[in-house]
């Protein structure tokens, strides 16, 4: 694991946010959606996908 101070601060912040949401993925998504609504004027609007997959086929799930 990388011990750079910036990465450590980011990981700690993400852990605190997750704990605030009870480590519940649905609550975490709701939290981030509300943040997006609150700060929509700060977000950059992107048309189309942010990246393109090289391999467009999906692996089979067994």
N, C-alpha and C. Protein backbone atom coordinates (compact mmCIF):
# COMPACT_ATOMS: atom_id res chain seq x y z
N UNK A 1 0.84 -1.19 0.00
CA UNK A 1 0.00 0.00 0.00
C UNK A 1 0.89 1.25 0.00
N UNK A 2 0.46 2.21 -0.75
CA UNK A 2 1.23 3.44 -0.89
C UNK A 2 1.00 4.33 0.33
N UNK A 3 2.05 4.82 0.92
CA UNK A 3 1.94 5.62 2.14
C UNK A 3 2.03 7.13 1.89
N UNK A 4 1.78 7.57 0.68
CA UNK A 4 1.84 8.99 0.42
C UNK A 4 0.76 9.71 1.21
N UNK A 5 1.08 10.87 1.79
CA UNK A 5 0.13 11.58 2.65
C UNK A 5 -1.19 11.93 1.97
N UNK A 6 -1.15 12.32 0.71
CA UNK A 6 -2.38 12.69 0.02
C UNK A 6 -3.29 11.49 -0.13
N UNK A 7 -2.73 10.35 -0.53
CA UNK A 7 -3.54 9.14 -0.67
C UNK A 7 -4.10 8.69 0.67
N UNK A 8 -3.32 8.83 1.70
CA UNK A 8 -3.79 8.46 3.04
C UNK A 8 -4.97 9.34 3.45
N UNK A 9 -4.89 10.64 3.19
CA UNK A 9 -6.00 11.55 3.53
C UNK A 9 -7.25 11.19 2.74
N UNK A 10 -7.07 10.86 1.46
CA UNK A 10 -8.23 10.48 0.64
C UNK A 10 -8.86 9.20 1.17
N UNK A 11 -8.05 8.21 1.47
CA UNK A 11 -8.58 6.94 2.00
C UNK A 11 -9.30 7.16 3.33
N UNK A 12 -8.73 7.99 4.19
CA UNK A 12 -9.37 8.27 5.48
C UNK A 12 -10.71 8.98 5.29
N UNK A 13 -10.76 9.93 4.36
CA UNK A 13 -12.02 10.64 4.10
C UNK A 13 -13.07 9.68 3.57
N UNK A 14 -12.68 8.81 2.65
CA UNK A 14 -13.64 7.83 2.10
C UNK A 14 -14.14 6.89 3.20
N UNK A 15 -13.26 6.51 4.10
CA UNK A 15 -13.64 5.62 5.21
C UNK A 15 -14.64 6.33 6.13
N UNK A 16 -14.40 7.60 6.42
CA UNK A 16 -15.32 8.36 7.29
C UNK A 16 -16.69 8.51 6.63
N UNK A 17 -16.70 8.78 5.33
CA UNK A 17 -17.97 8.93 4.61
C UNK A 17 -18.72 7.60 4.61
N UNK A 18 -18.02 6.52 4.37
CA UNK A 18 -18.65 5.20 4.38
C UNK A 18 -19.22 4.88 5.76
N UNK A 19 -18.47 5.20 6.80
CA UNK A 19 -18.95 4.95 8.16
C UNK A 19 -20.18 5.80 8.46
N UNK A 20 -20.18 7.04 7.98
CA UNK A 20 -21.33 7.93 8.17
C UNK A 20 -22.60 7.33 7.56
N UNK A 21 -22.42 6.55 6.49
CA UNK A 21 -23.55 5.92 5.80
C UNK A 21 -23.77 4.49 6.29
N UNK A 22 -23.13 4.12 7.38
CA UNK A 22 -23.30 2.79 7.94
C UNK A 22 -22.73 1.69 7.06
N UNK A 23 -21.78 2.04 6.22
CA UNK A 23 -21.14 1.11 5.27
C UNK A 23 -22.19 0.43 4.38
N UNK A 24 -23.31 1.12 4.15
CA UNK A 24 -24.40 0.62 3.31
C UNK A 24 -24.22 1.20 1.91
N UNK A 25 -23.99 0.35 0.90
CA UNK A 25 -23.75 0.86 -0.46
C UNK A 25 -24.89 1.73 -1.00
N UNK A 26 -26.13 1.37 -0.72
CA UNK A 26 -27.26 2.17 -1.20
C UNK A 26 -27.28 3.55 -0.57
N UNK A 27 -27.02 3.62 0.73
CA UNK A 27 -26.97 4.92 1.41
C UNK A 27 -25.79 5.75 0.91
N UNK A 28 -24.69 5.08 0.61
CA UNK A 28 -23.51 5.77 0.10
C UNK A 28 -23.81 6.40 -1.26
N UNK A 29 -24.48 5.66 -2.14
CA UNK A 29 -24.85 6.21 -3.45
C UNK A 29 -25.80 7.39 -3.27
N UNK A 30 -26.78 7.25 -2.39
CA UNK A 30 -27.71 8.36 -2.13
C UNK A 30 -26.95 9.60 -1.63
N UNK A 31 -25.98 9.38 -0.77
CA UNK A 31 -25.17 10.49 -0.23
C UNK A 31 -24.46 11.23 -1.36
N UNK A 32 -23.83 10.47 -2.27
CA UNK A 32 -23.09 11.10 -3.36
C UNK A 32 -24.04 11.77 -4.36
N UNK A 33 -25.21 11.21 -4.58
CA UNK A 33 -26.19 11.84 -5.47
C UNK A 33 -26.63 13.18 -4.88
N UNK A 34 -26.87 13.23 -3.58
CA UNK A 34 -27.24 14.49 -2.93
C UNK A 34 -26.12 15.52 -3.03
N UNK A 35 -24.87 15.06 -2.89
CA UNK A 35 -23.74 15.98 -3.05
C UNK A 35 -23.70 16.54 -4.46
N UNK A 36 -23.96 15.70 -5.45
CA UNK A 36 -23.98 16.16 -6.84
C UNK A 36 -25.05 17.21 -7.04
N UNK A 37 -26.22 16.99 -6.44
CA UNK A 37 -27.30 17.98 -6.56
C UNK A 37 -26.90 19.29 -5.88
N UNK A 38 -26.29 19.17 -4.71
CA UNK A 38 -25.91 20.35 -3.93
C UNK A 38 -24.85 21.18 -4.65
N UNK A 39 -23.93 20.51 -5.32
CA UNK A 39 -22.80 21.21 -5.94
C UNK A 39 -22.83 21.09 -7.46
N UNK A 40 -24.03 21.01 -8.06
CA UNK A 40 -24.13 20.81 -9.50
C UNK A 40 -23.47 21.93 -10.30
N UNK A 41 -23.40 23.12 -9.73
CA UNK A 41 -22.76 24.23 -10.45
C UNK A 41 -21.24 24.07 -10.52
N UNK A 42 -20.69 23.15 -9.75
CA UNK A 42 -19.24 22.93 -9.75
C UNK A 42 -18.83 21.75 -10.63
N UNK A 43 -19.80 20.98 -11.11
CA UNK A 43 -19.49 19.78 -11.88
C UNK A 43 -19.36 20.10 -13.36
N UNK A 44 -18.54 19.34 -14.03
CA UNK A 44 -18.34 19.49 -15.47
C UNK A 44 -19.27 18.53 -16.18
N UNK A 45 -20.04 19.03 -17.14
CA UNK A 45 -20.94 18.20 -17.91
C UNK A 45 -20.16 17.52 -19.02
N UNK A 46 -20.28 16.19 -19.12
CA UNK A 46 -19.56 15.42 -20.13
C UNK A 46 -20.58 14.73 -21.02
N UNK A 47 -20.43 14.89 -22.33
CA UNK A 47 -21.30 14.19 -23.27
C UNK A 47 -20.63 12.89 -23.67
N UNK A 48 -21.37 11.81 -23.59
CA UNK A 48 -20.84 10.52 -23.99
C UNK A 48 -20.05 9.87 -22.87
N UNK A 49 -19.51 8.69 -23.14
CA UNK A 49 -18.76 7.96 -22.10
C UNK A 49 -17.46 8.67 -21.75
N UNK A 50 -17.05 8.53 -20.50
CA UNK A 50 -15.80 9.13 -20.05
C UNK A 50 -14.59 8.36 -20.58
N UNK A 51 -14.79 7.10 -20.88
CA UNK A 51 -13.71 6.29 -21.42
C UNK A 51 -14.33 5.24 -22.33
N UNK A 52 -13.53 4.64 -23.15
CA UNK A 52 -14.01 3.57 -24.01
C UNK A 52 -13.22 2.32 -23.71
N UNK A 53 -13.93 1.23 -23.59
CA UNK A 53 -13.27 -0.05 -23.35
C UNK A 53 -12.60 -0.51 -24.62
N UNK A 54 -11.45 -1.10 -24.48
CA UNK A 54 -10.77 -1.67 -25.66
C UNK A 54 -11.48 -2.91 -26.12
N UNK A 55 -11.87 -3.74 -25.14
CA UNK A 55 -12.58 -4.97 -25.45
C UNK A 55 -14.04 -4.76 -25.10
N UNK A 56 -14.89 -4.67 -26.09
CA UNK A 56 -16.29 -4.35 -25.85
C UNK A 56 -17.11 -5.57 -25.44
N UNK A 57 -16.51 -6.76 -25.45
CA UNK A 57 -17.24 -7.96 -25.04
C UNK A 57 -17.14 -8.11 -23.52
N UNK A 58 -18.22 -8.52 -22.92
CA UNK A 58 -18.24 -8.73 -21.48
C UNK A 58 -17.96 -10.20 -21.17
N UNK A 59 -17.22 -10.47 -20.12
CA UNK A 59 -16.96 -11.87 -19.77
C UNK A 59 -18.23 -12.54 -19.28
N UNK A 60 -18.35 -13.83 -19.53
CA UNK A 60 -19.50 -14.59 -19.06
C UNK A 60 -19.38 -14.80 -17.57
N UNK A 61 -20.50 -14.63 -16.88
CA UNK A 61 -20.53 -14.84 -15.44
C UNK A 61 -21.07 -16.23 -15.19
N UNK A 62 -20.32 -17.02 -14.44
CA UNK A 62 -20.79 -18.39 -14.18
C UNK A 62 -21.46 -18.51 -12.85
